[in-house]
Protein backbone atom coordinates (compact mmCIF):
# COMPACT_ATOMS: atom_id res chain seq x y z
CA MET A 1 63.00 51.82 85.24
CA THR A 2 66.16 49.72 84.31
CA PRO A 3 65.38 45.90 83.66
CA LEU A 4 64.70 43.18 85.76
CA ASN A 5 67.82 40.80 86.00
CA ALA A 6 66.15 38.03 87.14
CA ARG A 7 62.56 37.22 87.62
CA LEU A 8 60.75 35.94 90.39
CA ASP A 9 57.09 33.29 90.31
CA THR A 10 56.23 34.07 94.59
CA VAL A 11 58.26 34.61 97.70
CA GLN A 12 56.93 32.68 100.22
CA ALA A 13 57.47 32.51 104.82
CA GLU A 14 56.57 29.17 105.77
CA ASP A 15 55.56 29.74 109.50
CA LEU A 16 58.12 31.83 110.14
CA THR A 17 59.18 32.39 113.58
CA CYS A 18 61.98 35.46 114.77
CA VAL A 19 64.00 35.69 117.47
CA ARG A 20 65.88 38.48 118.94
CA GLY A 21 67.77 38.88 122.13
CA GLY A 22 65.87 35.35 123.88
CA ARG A 23 62.56 37.59 122.91
CA LEU A 24 60.52 36.17 120.61
CA VAL A 25 59.52 39.02 118.18
CA PHE A 26 56.67 36.88 116.35
CA ARG A 27 55.98 33.30 115.30
CA GLY A 28 53.74 31.10 112.48
CA LEU A 29 54.41 34.09 110.42
CA ASN A 30 52.55 33.00 106.68
CA VAL A 31 52.77 35.57 104.42
CA SER A 32 53.60 35.38 100.22
CA ALA A 33 53.34 37.32 97.06
CA GLY A 34 53.45 36.75 93.69
CA ALA A 35 55.32 38.19 90.58
CA GLY A 36 53.34 41.92 90.31
CA GLU A 37 52.15 41.85 93.38
CA THR A 38 53.52 44.64 96.56
CA LEU A 39 52.68 43.12 100.42
CA SER A 40 52.66 45.51 102.90
CA LEU A 41 54.11 44.05 106.24
CA GLU A 42 52.19 46.96 108.95
CA GLY A 43 52.21 47.07 113.00
CA PRO A 44 53.40 48.61 115.95
CA ASN A 45 56.28 49.53 116.87
CA GLY A 46 58.64 46.29 117.95
CA ALA A 47 56.56 44.31 115.99
CA GLY A 48 59.03 42.55 113.78
CA LYS A 49 58.81 44.25 110.83
CA SER A 50 62.18 44.65 109.68
CA SER A 51 63.36 41.62 111.53
CA ALA A 52 60.88 40.04 108.68
CA LEU A 53 62.36 41.42 106.38
CA ARG A 54 66.12 41.32 107.13
CA ILE A 55 64.91 37.38 107.13
CA PHE A 56 63.03 37.34 103.75
CA GLY A 57 66.74 39.42 102.22
CA GLY A 58 69.08 36.36 103.49
CA LEU A 59 70.04 39.01 106.46
CA LEU A 60 69.71 37.02 109.61
CA ALA A 61 68.26 33.55 110.32
CA ALA A 62 64.31 32.91 110.98
CA ALA A 63 64.60 30.93 114.27
CA GLY A 64 62.58 28.75 112.83
CA GLY A 65 59.94 27.65 109.74
CA LEU A 66 61.17 28.58 106.18
CA VAL A 67 61.48 30.74 103.23
CA ARG A 68 60.65 30.35 99.66
CA PHE A 69 61.56 31.62 96.57
CA ARG A 70 59.62 30.34 93.20
CA ALA A 71 62.43 30.90 90.15
CA ALA A 72 62.64 29.90 87.28
CA GLY A 73 60.80 26.83 88.53
CA ASP A 74 62.75 26.27 91.19
CA ASP A 75 62.77 26.18 95.02
CA VAL A 76 65.52 28.93 96.56
CA VAL A 77 65.52 27.98 100.32
CA ASP A 78 68.84 29.02 101.63
CA GLY A 79 69.56 32.59 102.49
CA GLU A 80 72.95 33.82 101.18
CA GLU A 81 71.41 32.51 97.09
CA ARG A 82 68.07 33.91 97.84
CA GLY A 83 70.63 37.41 98.60
CA ARG A 84 70.98 37.83 95.21
CA PHE A 85 67.45 38.82 94.07
CA VAL A 86 66.77 41.63 96.47
CA GLY A 87 67.46 44.70 96.78
CA TRP A 88 67.23 46.33 99.88
CA HIS A 89 66.12 50.42 101.47
CA GLY A 90 66.18 51.00 104.76
CA HIS A 91 67.32 52.72 107.64
CA ALA A 92 71.21 52.43 107.44
CA ASP A 93 71.60 53.93 103.85
CA GLY A 94 75.48 52.54 103.47
CA ILE A 95 76.31 56.26 102.26
CA LYS A 96 79.97 56.97 101.41
CA ALA A 97 80.11 60.72 102.90
CA GLN A 98 83.31 61.68 100.69
CA MET A 99 82.01 60.48 97.27
CA THR A 100 79.86 62.16 95.30
CA VAL A 101 75.82 61.37 94.60
CA ARG A 102 77.50 59.68 91.08
CA GLU A 103 79.61 58.33 92.81
CA ASN A 104 78.04 56.54 94.82
CA ALA A 105 75.14 54.99 92.76
CA ALA A 106 77.97 54.63 90.20
CA PHE A 107 79.26 52.15 93.04
CA MET A 108 76.62 50.24 94.39
CA ALA A 109 75.31 49.52 90.51
CA THR A 110 78.64 47.87 90.37
CA LEU A 111 78.65 46.04 93.17
CA PHE A 112 75.00 44.41 92.20
CA GLY A 113 76.54 43.76 88.88
CA ALA A 114 74.03 46.07 87.53
CA ARG A 115 74.54 48.32 83.29
CA GLY A 116 71.59 49.93 83.75
CA ASP A 117 71.90 53.90 83.14
CA ILE A 118 73.26 56.03 85.81
CA ASP A 119 72.84 59.60 85.46
CA ALA A 120 68.74 58.61 84.13
CA ALA A 121 68.34 56.89 87.00
CA LEU A 122 69.41 60.23 89.29
CA ALA A 123 67.26 62.06 87.62
CA ARG A 124 64.34 59.74 87.50
CA VAL A 125 64.79 60.36 91.87
CA GLY A 126 65.35 64.65 91.41
CA LEU A 127 68.80 64.41 92.33
CA ALA A 128 70.94 65.53 88.52
CA ARG A 129 71.16 68.86 89.49
CA VAL A 130 72.87 67.28 92.80
CA ALA A 131 74.63 65.11 91.20
CA HIS A 132 78.20 66.08 91.58
CA LEU A 133 78.05 66.38 95.75
CA PRO A 134 79.79 64.75 98.74
CA GLY A 135 77.34 62.17 99.67
CA GLN A 136 77.85 64.54 103.57
CA TYR A 137 75.49 67.42 102.04
CA LEU A 138 72.52 65.43 101.15
CA SER A 139 69.45 65.83 103.83
CA ALA A 140 68.03 63.33 104.89
CA GLY A 141 65.08 63.05 101.86
CA GLN A 142 68.19 63.51 99.38
CA ARG A 143 69.68 60.17 100.91
CA ARG A 144 66.38 58.40 101.07
CA ARG A 145 65.95 59.88 96.68
CA LEU A 146 69.59 58.35 97.00
CA GLY A 147 68.68 54.39 98.13
CA LEU A 148 65.96 54.93 95.88
CA ALA A 149 68.40 55.11 92.57
CA ARG A 150 70.48 52.44 94.33
CA LEU A 151 67.60 49.96 94.02
CA ILE A 152 66.64 51.40 90.37
CA LEU A 153 69.83 50.30 89.74
CA SER A 154 70.25 46.97 91.26
CA ALA A 155 67.71 45.21 89.20
CA ARG A 156 66.73 42.84 91.04
CA PRO A 157 63.23 41.68 90.71
CA LEU A 158 62.41 41.62 94.62
CA TRP A 159 62.90 44.81 96.29
CA LEU A 160 62.46 45.01 100.85
CA LEU A 161 62.16 49.04 102.03
CA ASP A 162 61.76 49.10 105.61
CA GLU A 163 60.27 52.24 106.33
CA PRO A 164 59.91 53.04 102.31
CA LEU A 165 57.76 56.54 102.87
CA ALA A 166 59.96 58.39 105.86
CA ALA A 167 61.65 61.44 105.75
CA LEU A 168 61.09 61.85 102.68
CA ASP A 169 58.34 64.80 101.37
CA SER A 170 55.34 65.00 99.59
CA ALA A 171 57.33 64.91 96.17
CA GLY A 172 59.09 62.28 97.81
CA ARG A 173 56.67 60.13 99.09
CA ARG A 174 54.79 60.44 95.52
CA LEU A 175 57.95 59.49 93.58
CA ALA A 176 58.64 56.04 95.92
CA VAL A 177 54.92 54.95 95.49
CA GLU A 178 55.71 55.64 91.12
CA LEU A 179 58.22 53.42 91.59
CA VAL A 180 56.58 50.76 93.70
CA GLY A 181 53.70 50.78 90.84
CA GLU A 182 56.98 50.58 87.87
CA HIS A 183 58.38 47.55 89.37
CA CYS A 184 55.04 45.52 90.42
CA ALA A 185 54.49 46.79 86.61
CA ALA A 186 58.29 45.08 85.01
CA GLY A 187 56.94 41.83 86.52
CA GLY A 188 59.03 42.85 90.18
CA ILE A 189 57.63 41.98 93.95
CA VAL A 190 57.81 44.47 96.52
CA ILE A 191 57.49 43.39 100.39
CA ALA A 192 57.12 46.53 102.93
CA ALA A 193 57.57 47.46 106.25
CA THR A 194 55.46 50.69 106.59
CA HIS A 195 53.52 52.22 109.58
CA ASP A 196 52.64 54.27 106.34
CA PRO A 197 49.94 51.93 103.97
CA LEU A 198 51.40 52.55 100.19
CA GLY A 199 47.60 52.25 98.76
CA VAL A 200 49.71 50.78 95.84
CA GLY A 201 47.40 47.56 96.75
CA GLY A 202 48.32 44.34 97.61
CA PRO A 203 47.89 42.13 100.05
CA ARG A 204 48.44 42.98 103.90
CA HIS A 205 49.35 41.83 106.58
CA ILE A 206 49.91 43.13 109.98
CA LEU A 207 52.23 41.75 112.49
CA GLY A 208 51.62 41.51 116.46
CA ALA A 209 47.36 41.16 115.62
CA ALA A 210 45.90 38.22 117.46
């Protein structure tokens, strides 16, 4: 795994409220995760799992409440500032169709300012043999694996994962769980929105529960 470029002590949501399209999605969300922990956000479709991730990452403004990152003794609450700690893995993969797998990974590594070993990251997620292929030829599962490689290369301490097991076969699911474990073992934090429990322990919160 690429060494983390920063450390987060805690990530916390305080009385968080989300409104989308004039509809209240959730209110009063209070959750936290510390270094080395995985927080699972679970619940039915429409409960706000993906929206909560976007608020954590500074991609969506909360209608109320606060997200607080604790890093090196300082509180980081500004959404743009929080973004520099975040590695995102969602349904919109952002893969450039005409660029090769390796070029896609290298582009994202450069964007993140990371210095990880691109070939090692691709090998870790099982894409070394297709590194020369343009992105347009990847299967849905291979695209998800490339997203995992970009997470490794990002070296960001907080991984926000939106349905990280989606489109993966059994080997790919095991890989995703292993990478989450390795990231946490290195002191990272993972917040995952998922229908399927990752089986890695850590706190869970059911959105939409009474």
